[in-house]
C-alpha atoms as a PDB file:
ATOM      1  CA  UNK A   1      17.873  79.518  46.912  1.00  0.00           C
ATOM      2  CA  UNK A   2      14.670  79.750  44.860  1.00  0.00           C
ATOM      3  CA  UNK A   3      12.763  76.522  44.443  1.00  0.00           C
ATOM      4  CA  UNK A   4      12.754  74.836  41.081  1.00  0.00           C
ATOM      5  CA  UNK A   5       9.245  74.092  39.818  1.00  0.00           C
ATOM      6  CA  UNK A   6       8.217  70.451  39.793  1.00  0.00           C
ATOM      7  CA  UNK A   7       7.294  70.874  36.127  1.00  0.00           C
ATOM      8  CA  UNK A   8       7.836  73.686  33.620  1.00  0.00           C
ATOM      9  CA  UNK A   9       5.332  76.518  33.502  1.00  0.00           C
ATOM     10  CA  UNK A  10       2.880  76.153  30.627  1.00  0.00           C
ATOM     11  CA  UNK A  11       4.352  79.237  28.945  1.00  0.00           C
ATOM     12  CA  UNK A  12       7.876  77.798  29.092  1.00  0.00           C
ATOM     13  CA  UNK A  13       6.798  74.804  26.988  1.00  0.00           C
ATOM     14  CA  UNK A  14       5.716  77.122  24.157  1.00  0.00           C
ATOM     15  CA  UNK A  15       8.021  80.101  24.611  1.00  0.00           C
ATOM     16  CA  UNK A  16       8.281  82.725  21.895  1.00  0.00           C
ATOM     17  CA  UNK A  17      11.604  82.377  20.038  1.00  0.00           C
ATOM     18  CA  UNK A  18      13.711  85.360  21.051  1.00  0.00           C
ATOM     19  CA  UNK A  19      10.960  86.568  23.385  1.00  0.00           C
ATOM     20  CA  UNK A  20      10.876  87.426  27.075  1.00  0.00           C
ATOM     21  CA  UNK A  21       9.948  84.645  29.478  1.00  0.00           C
ATOM     22  CA  UNK A  22       8.190  87.038  31.866  1.00  0.00           C
ATOM     23  CA  UNK A  23       5.958  88.316  29.067  1.00  0.00           C
ATOM     24  CA  UNK A  24       5.149  84.762  27.938  1.00  0.00           C
ATOM     25  CA  UNK A  25       4.168  83.880  31.493  1.00  0.00           C
ATOM     26  CA  UNK A  26       2.050  86.996  31.941  1.00  0.00           C
ATOM     27  CA  UNK A  27       0.212  86.294  28.708  1.00  0.00           C
ATOM     28  CA  UNK A  28      -0.397  82.705  29.829  1.00  0.00           C
ATOM     29  CA  UNK A  29      -2.444  84.122  32.709  1.00  0.00           C
ATOM     30  CA  UNK A  30      -4.672  85.891  30.175  1.00  0.00           C
ATOM     31  CA  UNK A  31      -5.058  82.822  27.951  1.00  0.00           C
ATOM     32  CA  UNK A  32      -5.901  80.712  31.005  1.00  0.00           C
ATOM     33  CA  UNK A  33      -9.426  82.149  30.851  1.00  0.00           C
ATOM     34  CA  UNK A  34     -11.901  79.874  29.083  1.00  0.00           C
ATOM     35  CA  UNK A  35     -15.430  80.194  27.830  1.00  0.00           C
ATOM     36  CA  UNK A  36     -17.750  80.671  30.808  1.00  0.00           C
ATOM     37  CA  UNK A  37     -15.075  81.906  33.227  1.00  0.00           C
ATOM     38  CA  UNK A  38     -16.405  85.049  34.884  1.00  0.00           C
ATOM     39  CA  UNK A  39     -13.626  85.166  37.455  1.00  0.00           C
ATOM     40  CA  UNK A  40     -10.769  82.931  38.587  1.00  0.00           C
ATOM     41  CA  UNK A  41      -9.057  82.803  41.984  1.00  0.00           C
ATOM     42  CA  UNK A  42      -5.278  82.968  42.248  1.00  0.00           C
ATOM     43  CA  UNK A  43      -5.063  79.260  43.053  1.00  0.00           C
ATOM     44  CA  UNK A  44      -6.876  78.263  39.856  1.00  0.00           C
ATOM     45  CA  UNK A  45      -4.802  80.613  37.713  1.00  0.00           C
ATOM     46  CA  UNK A  46      -1.614  79.180  39.198  1.00  0.00           C
ATOM     47  CA  UNK A  47      -2.883  75.665  38.570  1.00  0.00           C
ATOM     48  CA  UNK A  48      -3.796  76.312  34.915  1.00  0.00           C
ATOM     49  CA  UNK A  49      -0.521  78.073  34.127  1.00  0.00           C
ATOM     50  CA  UNK A  50       1.701  75.922  36.382  1.00  0.00           C
ATOM     51  CA  UNK A  51       3.163  79.069  37.931  1.00  0.00           C
ATOM     52  CA  UNK A  52       4.022  79.485  41.599  1.00  0.00           C
ATOM     53  CA  UNK A  53       1.390  81.594  43.316  1.00  0.00           C
ATOM     54  CA  UNK A  54       4.036  84.171  44.251  1.00  0.00           C
ATOM     55  CA  UNK A  55       5.126  84.477  40.610  1.00  0.00           C
ATOM     56  CA  UNK A  56       1.537  84.615  39.359  1.00  0.00           C
ATOM     57  CA  UNK A  57       0.688  87.306  41.897  1.00  0.00           C
ATOM     58  CA  UNK A  58       3.475  89.611  40.662  1.00  0.00           C
ATOM     59  CA  UNK A  59       2.448  89.134  37.037  1.00  0.00           C
ATOM     60  CA  UNK A  60      -1.214  89.664  37.894  1.00  0.00           C
ATOM     61  CA  UNK A  61      -0.329  93.009  39.481  1.00  0.00           C
ATOM     62  CA  UNK A  62       1.210  94.164  36.182  1.00  0.00           C
ATOM     63  CA  UNK A  63      -1.752  92.923  34.153  1.00  0.00           C
ATOM     64  CA  UNK A  64      -4.156  94.642  36.533  1.00  0.00           C
ATOM     65  CA  UNK A  65      -2.181  97.887  36.283  1.00  0.00           C
ATOM     66  CA  UNK A  66      -2.470  97.710  32.473  1.00  0.00           C
ATOM     67  CA  UNK A  67      -6.223  97.184  32.671  1.00  0.00           C
ATOM     68  CA  UNK A  68      -6.001  93.724  31.108  1.00  0.00           C
ATOM     69  CA  UNK A  69      -7.278  92.113  34.299  1.00  0.00           C
ATOM     70  CA  UNK A  70      -9.196  93.402  37.298  1.00  0.00           C
ATOM     71  CA  UNK A  71      -9.443  92.013  40.806  1.00  0.00           C
ATOM     72  CA  UNK A  72     -12.998  91.704  42.021  1.00  0.00           C
ATOM     73  CA  UNK A  73     -14.238  92.258  45.561  1.00  0.00           C
ATOM     74  CA  UNK A  74     -14.307  88.486  46.136  1.00  0.00           C
ATOM     75  CA  UNK A  75     -10.594  88.237  45.301  1.00  0.00           C
ATOM     76  CA  UNK A  76     -11.092  86.558  41.926  1.00  0.00           C
ATOM     77  CA  UNK A  77      -9.575  87.947  38.747  1.00  0.00           C
ATOM     78  CA  UNK A  78     -11.630  88.831  35.675  1.00  0.00           C
ATOM     79  CA  UNK A  79     -10.749  90.192  32.262  1.00  0.00           C
ATOM     80  CA  UNK A  80     -10.356  93.968  32.383  1.00  0.00           C
ATOM     81  CA  UNK A  81     -11.681  96.879  30.325  1.00  0.00           C
ATOM     82  CA  UNK A  82      -8.538  97.081  28.186  1.00  0.00           C
ATOM     83  CA  UNK A  83      -9.385  93.673  26.716  1.00  0.00           C
ATOM     84  CA  UNK A  84     -12.767  95.001  25.587  1.00  0.00           C
ATOM     85  CA  UNK A  85     -11.129  98.091  24.058  1.00  0.00           C
ATOM     86  CA  UNK A  86      -8.624  95.993  22.104  1.00  0.00           C
ATOM     87  CA  UNK A  87     -11.387  93.646  20.955  1.00  0.00           C
ATOM     88  CA  UNK A  88     -13.420  96.560  19.624  1.00  0.00           C
ATOM     89  CA  UNK A  89     -10.398  97.717  17.596  1.00  0.00           C
ATOM     90  CA  UNK A  90      -9.842  94.206  16.261  1.00  0.00           C
ATOM     91  CA  UNK A  91     -13.525  93.774  15.377  1.00  0.00           C
ATOM     92  CA  UNK A  92     -13.544  97.035  13.426  1.00  0.00           C
ATOM     93  CA  UNK A  93     -10.599  95.957  11.281  1.00  0.00           C
ATOM     94  CA  UNK A  94     -11.284  92.198  11.135  1.00  0.00           C
ATOM     95  CA  UNK A  95     -11.270  90.440   7.776  1.00  0.00           C
ATOM     96  CA  UNK A  96     -12.016  86.717   7.684  1.00  0.00           C
ATOM     97  CA  UNK A  97     -10.328  86.424   4.310  1.00  0.00           C
ATOM     98  CA  UNK A  98      -7.140  87.997   5.670  1.00  0.00           C
ATOM     99  CA  UNK A  99      -7.036  85.368   8.422  1.00  0.00           C
ATOM    100  CA  UNK A 100      -7.986  82.322   6.337  1.00  0.00           C
ATOM    101  CA  UNK A 101      -6.033  82.780   3.119  1.00  0.00           C
ATOM    102  CA  UNK A 102      -2.488  82.814   4.594  1.00  0.00           C
ATOM    103  CA  UNK A 103      -3.198  79.541   6.431  1.00  0.00           C
ATOM    104  CA  UNK A 104      -4.566  77.916   3.267  1.00  0.00           C
ATOM    105  CA  UNK A 105      -1.578  79.125   1.246  1.00  0.00           C
ATOM    106  CA  UNK A 106       0.863  77.792   3.823  1.00  0.00           C
ATOM    107  CA  UNK A 107      -0.853  74.392   3.753  1.00  0.00           C
ATOM    108  CA  UNK A 108      -0.710  74.310  -0.053  1.00  0.00           C
ATOM    109  CA  UNK A 109       2.973  75.252   0.056  1.00  0.00           C
ATOM    110  CA  UNK A 110       3.611  72.352   2.461  1.00  0.00           C
ATOM    111  CA  UNK A 111       1.595  69.694   0.638  1.00  0.00           C
ATOM    112  CA  UNK A 112       1.295  70.935  -2.980  1.00  0.00           C
ATOM    113  CA  UNK A 113      -2.399  70.009  -2.780  1.00  0.00           C
ATOM    114  CA  UNK A 114      -5.581  72.143  -2.838  1.00  0.00           C
ATOM    115  CA  UNK A 115      -6.828  73.687   0.404  1.00  0.00           C
ATOM    116  CA  UNK A 116     -10.190  75.285   1.144  1.00  0.00           C
ATOM    117  CA  UNK A 117     -12.370  76.656   3.921  1.00  0.00           C
ATOM    118  CA  UNK A 118     -15.997  75.480   3.999  1.00  0.00           C
ATOM    119  CA  UNK A 119     -18.944  76.784   6.008  1.00  0.00           C
ATOM    120  CA  UNK A 120     -22.401  75.348   6.487  1.00  0.00           C
ATOM    121  CA  UNK A 121     -25.193  76.971   4.488  1.00  0.00           C
ATOM    122  CA  UNK A 122     -28.476  75.363   5.475  1.00  0.00           C
ATOM    123  CA  UNK A 123     -28.391  71.747   4.332  1.00  0.00           C
ATOM    124  CA  UNK A 124     -25.386  72.325   2.071  1.00  0.00           C
ATOM    125  CA  UNK A 125     -21.888  73.685   2.446  1.00  0.00           C
ATOM    126  CA  UNK A 126     -20.246  76.647   0.786  1.00  0.00           C
ATOM    127  CA  UNK A 127     -16.617  76.761  -0.332  1.00  0.00           C
ATOM    128  CA  UNK A 128     -15.825  80.201   1.023  1.00  0.00           C
ATOM    129  CA  UNK A 129     -12.098  80.386   0.276  1.00  0.00           C
ATOM    130  CA  UNK A 130      -9.802  78.220  -1.811  1.00  0.00           C
ATOM    131  CA  UNK A 131      -6.142  77.943  -2.865  1.00  0.00           C
ATOM    132  CA  UNK A 132      -5.484  75.588  -5.780  1.00  0.00           C
ATOM    133  CA  UNK A 133      -2.780  72.961  -5.991  1.00  0.00           C
ATOM    134  CA  UNK A 134       0.053  73.928  -8.365  1.00  0.00           C
ATOM    135  CA  UNK A 135      -0.236  70.457  -9.916  1.00  0.00           C
ATOM    136  CA  UNK A 136      -2.195  69.895 -13.119  1.00  0.00           C
ATOM    137  CA  UNK A 137      -4.186  66.937 -11.781  1.00  0.00           C
ATOM    138  CA  UNK A 138      -6.498  68.256  -9.059  1.00  0.00           C
ATOM    139  CA  UNK A 139     -10.150  68.784  -8.289  1.00  0.00           C
ATOM    140  CA  UNK A 140     -11.681  71.940  -9.717  1.00  0.00           C
ATOM    141  CA  UNK A 141     -13.907  73.295  -6.945  1.00  0.00           C
ATOM    142  CA  UNK A 142     -13.898  77.093  -6.792  1.00  0.00           C
ATOM    143  CA  UNK A 143     -14.649  79.613  -4.068  1.00  0.00           C
ATOM    144  CA  UNK A 144     -18.400  80.184  -4.139  1.00  0.00           C
ATOM    145  CA  UNK A 145     -19.302  76.620  -5.128  1.00  0.00           C
ATOM    146  CA  UNK A 146     -21.987  74.861  -3.082  1.00  0.00           C
ATOM    147  CA  UNK A 147     -21.355  71.203  -2.194  1.00  0.00           C
ATOM    148  CA  UNK A 148     -23.267  68.412  -0.431  1.00  0.00           C
ATOM    149  CA  UNK A 149     -23.206  68.463   3.349  1.00  0.00           C
ATOM    150  CA  UNK A 150     -23.499  64.687   3.683  1.00  0.00           C
ATOM    151  CA  UNK A 151     -20.627  63.762   1.336  1.00  0.00           C
ATOM    152  CA  UNK A 152     -16.957  64.633   1.433  1.00  0.00           C
ATOM    153  CA  UNK A 153     -14.596  65.223   4.353  1.00  0.00           C
ATOM    154  CA  UNK A 154     -15.524  68.890   4.809  1.00  0.00           C
ATOM    155  CA  UNK A 155     -19.234  68.175   4.970  1.00  0.00           C
ATOM    156  CA  UNK A 156     -18.755  65.281   7.364  1.00  0.00           C
ATOM    157  CA  UNK A 157     -16.718  67.477   9.732  1.00  0.00           C
ATOM    158  CA  UNK A 158     -19.336  70.244   9.661  1.00  0.00           C
ATOM    159  CA  UNK A 159     -22.033  67.699  10.542  1.00  0.00           C
ATOM    160  CA  UNK A 160     -19.930  66.046  13.247  1.00  0.00           C
ATOM    161  CA  UNK A 161     -19.303  69.296  15.120  1.00  0.00           C
ATOM    162  CA  UNK A 162     -22.650  70.962  14.470  1.00  0.00           C
ATOM    163  CA  UNK A 163     -23.766  73.318  17.258  1.00  0.00           C
ATOM    164  CA  UNK A 164     -26.883  71.208  17.843  1.00  0.00           C
ATOM    165  CA  UNK A 165     -24.698  68.391  19.186  1.00  0.00           C
ATOM    166  CA  UNK A 166     -23.410  66.867  15.987  1.00  0.00           C
ATOM    167  CA  UNK A 167     -24.712  64.134  13.708  1.00  0.00           C
ATOM    168  CA  UNK A 168     -25.272  60.691  15.194  1.00  0.00           C
ATOM    169  CA  UNK A 169     -23.596  57.429  14.289  1.00  0.00           C
ATOM    170  CA  UNK A 170     -20.218  55.705  14.571  1.00  0.00           C
ATOM    171  CA  UNK A 171     -18.747  57.689  11.683  1.00  0.00           C
ATOM    172  CA  UNK A 172     -19.399  61.041  13.331  1.00  0.00           C
ATOM    173  CA  UNK A 173     -18.365  59.781  16.766  1.00  0.00           C
ATOM    174  CA  UNK A 174     -15.037  58.767  15.220  1.00  0.00           C
ATOM    175  CA  UNK A 175     -14.610  62.216  13.620  1.00  0.00           C
ATOM    176  CA  UNK A 176     -15.248  63.895  16.970  1.00  0.00           C
ATOM    177  CA  UNK A 177     -12.711  61.626  18.667  1.00  0.00           C
ATOM    178  CA  UNK A 178      -9.990  62.112  16.047  1.00  0.00           C
ATOM    179  CA  UNK A 179     -10.527  65.802  15.331  1.00  0.00           C
ATOM    180  CA  UNK A 180      -9.618  65.196  11.671  1.00  0.00           C
ATOM    181  CA  UNK A 181     -11.201  63.062   8.963  1.00  0.00           C
ATOM    182  CA  UNK A 182      -9.912  61.418   5.805  1.00  0.00           C
ATOM    183  CA  UNK A 183     -12.487  60.387   3.206  1.00  0.00           C
ATOM    184  CA  UNK A 184     -11.561  58.703  -0.079  1.00  0.00           C
ATOM    185  CA  UNK A 185     -14.176  58.573  -2.816  1.00  0.00           C
ATOM    186  CA  UNK A 186     -16.882  59.912  -0.537  1.00  0.00           C
ATOM    187  CA  UNK A 187     -17.871  62.733  -2.909  1.00  0.00           C
ATOM    188  CA  UNK A 188     -16.004  61.894  -6.133  1.00  0.00           C
ATOM    189  CA  UNK A 189     -14.404  58.558  -6.982  1.00  0.00           C
ATOM    190  CA  UNK A 190     -10.617  58.812  -6.983  1.00  0.00           C
ATOM    191  CA  UNK A 191     -10.567  61.967  -4.845  1.00  0.00           C
ATOM    192  CA  UNK A 192      -9.490  62.111  -1.198  1.00  0.00           C
ATOM    193  CA  UNK A 193     -10.517  64.850   1.195  1.00  0.00           C
ATOM    194  CA  UNK A 194      -8.998  65.577   4.605  1.00  0.00           C
ATOM    195  CA  UNK A 195     -10.782  68.005   6.918  1.00  0.00           C
ATOM    196  CA  UNK A 196     -10.613  69.382  10.461  1.00  0.00           C
ATOM    197  CA  UNK A 197     -12.862  71.792  12.381  1.00  0.00           C
ATOM    198  CA  UNK A 198     -12.043  75.473  12.853  1.00  0.00           C
ATOM    199  CA  UNK A 199     -13.219  77.160  16.058  1.00  0.00           C
ATOM    200  CA  UNK A 200     -13.897  80.752  17.082  1.00  0.00           C
ATOM    201  CA  UNK A 201     -13.276  82.860  20.154  1.00  0.00           C
ATOM    202  CA  UNK A 202     -16.325  81.649  22.069  1.00  0.00           C
ATOM    203  CA  UNK A 203     -15.901  77.986  21.156  1.00  0.00           C
ATOM    204  CA  UNK A 204     -18.347  78.015  18.244  1.00  0.00           C
ATOM    205  CA  UNK A 205     -17.650  76.105  15.044  1.00  0.00           C
ATOM    206  CA  UNK A 206     -16.525  78.503  12.305  1.00  0.00           C
ATOM    207  CA  UNK A 207     -16.096  76.043   9.459  1.00  0.00           C
ATOM    208  CA  UNK A 208     -14.007  73.175   8.138  1.00  0.00           C
ATOM    209  CA  UNK A 209     -10.519  73.431   6.697  1.00  0.00           C
ATOM    210  CA  UNK A 210     -10.035  70.866   3.933  1.00  0.00           C
ATOM    211  CA  UNK A 211      -7.295  69.463   1.751  1.00  0.00           C
ATOM    212  CA  UNK A 212      -8.266  67.646  -1.463  1.00  0.00           C
ATOM    213  CA  UNK A 213      -6.093  65.500  -3.712  1.00  0.00           C
ATOM    214  CA  UNK A 214      -6.110  62.464  -5.988  1.00  0.00           C
ATOM    215  CA  UNK A 215      -6.108  59.206  -3.994  1.00  0.00           C
ATOM    216  CA  UNK A 216      -2.715  58.207  -5.391  1.00  0.00           C
ATOM    217  CA  UNK A 217      -1.008  61.263  -3.860  1.00  0.00           C
ATOM    218  CA  UNK A 218      -2.235  60.727  -0.297  1.00  0.00           C
ATOM    219  CA  UNK A 219       0.584  60.834   2.299  1.00  0.00           C
ATOM    220  CA  UNK A 220       0.496  59.957   5.992  1.00  0.00           C
ATOM    221  CA  UNK A 221       1.854  63.419   6.823  1.00  0.00           C
ATOM    222  CA  UNK A 222      -1.184  65.201   5.367  1.00  0.00           C
ATOM    223  CA  UNK A 223      -3.650  64.484   8.196  1.00  0.00           C
ATOM    224  CA  UNK A 224      -1.477  66.018  10.939  1.00  0.00           C
ATOM    225  CA  UNK A 225      -0.690  68.934   8.620  1.00  0.00           C
ATOM    226  CA  UNK A 226      -4.414  69.642   8.156  1.00  0.00           C
ATOM    227  CA  UNK A 227      -5.069  69.393  11.868  1.00  0.00           C
ATOM    228  CA  UNK A 228      -2.208  71.787  12.662  1.00  0.00           C
ATOM    229  CA  UNK A 229      -3.460  74.231  10.028  1.00  0.00           C
ATOM    230  CA  UNK A 230      -6.989  74.104  11.485  1.00  0.00           C
ATOM    231  CA  UNK A 231      -5.608  74.725  14.974  1.00  0.00           C
ATOM    232  CA  UNK A 232      -3.531  77.639  13.691  1.00  0.00           C
ATOM    233  CA  UNK A 233      -6.545  79.168  11.960  1.00  0.00           C
ATOM    234  CA  UNK A 234      -8.672  78.654  15.087  1.00  0.00           C
ATOM    235  CA  UNK A 235      -6.128  80.615  17.102  1.00  0.00           C
ATOM    236  CA  UNK A 236      -6.061  83.368  14.476  1.00  0.00           C
ATOM    237  CA  UNK A 237      -9.850  83.568  14.872  1.00  0.00           C
ATOM    238  CA  UNK A 238      -9.507  83.940  18.623  1.00  0.00           C
ATOM    239  CA  UNK A 239      -9.844  80.383  19.928  1.00  0.00           C
ATOM    240  CA  UNK A 240      -7.942  79.730  23.133  1.00  0.00           C
ATOM    241  CA  UNK A 241      -5.146  77.208  22.395  1.00  0.00           C
ATOM    242  CA  UNK A 242      -5.799  75.680  25.830  1.00  0.00           C
ATOM    243  CA  UNK A 243      -9.470  75.098  25.036  1.00  0.00           C
ATOM    244  CA  UNK A 244     -10.601  71.489  24.485  1.00  0.00           C
ATOM    245  CA  UNK A 245     -12.238  72.609  21.260  1.00  0.00           C
ATOM    246  CA  UNK A 246      -8.916  73.579  19.747  1.00  0.00           C
ATOM    247  CA  UNK A 247      -6.896  70.617  20.992  1.00  0.00           C
END
């Protein structure tokens, strides 16, 4: 009789609805690679995916055959040439707007509030993309507007997760711990902003996803919704869902 695993494989906890378990598990071996991993031994891959070594070995053989992984002379596995080929195709057709806008629209549909994507521009921040709330009472920031970096939830998040190590102080330490920030009246009195960081494929900060609304319409469900949207966008931009940056 085959042994039952002590705990479910990582892929089984987030299986694709209607998908194939073997494919989910094979893909989990690919997503087990993190920034800085040049090669991983079988034992580490099994540990990260919670697969039996025998199961992982069979799946690795298929991935190696497809060119998605390669086995090095030292026995470790590294990403294969097919990954580079697929990435070159993706890069040639990539559109940031096409990745960001559906996530913003989905968040607006869920909350009926305004959502935006902000990036740092020197000592300010730029509203790069925006979907307005369908409600009459809302803030009136537009895509292309430049806003303060040191006021508002989006600016605070950009400062907190800055590549140079992030801004100092208890406020920014709290933002880094929580991974989402709610600021009421920080930029405009009566206006609440909720923001979370968005990450890229190599773990770099891409921007801040924000939700803005009148203080009176703030709901406890909005913060987790913003964080989930930021995580979803991070994954669309190539961030590994297992990476600490996208937790």
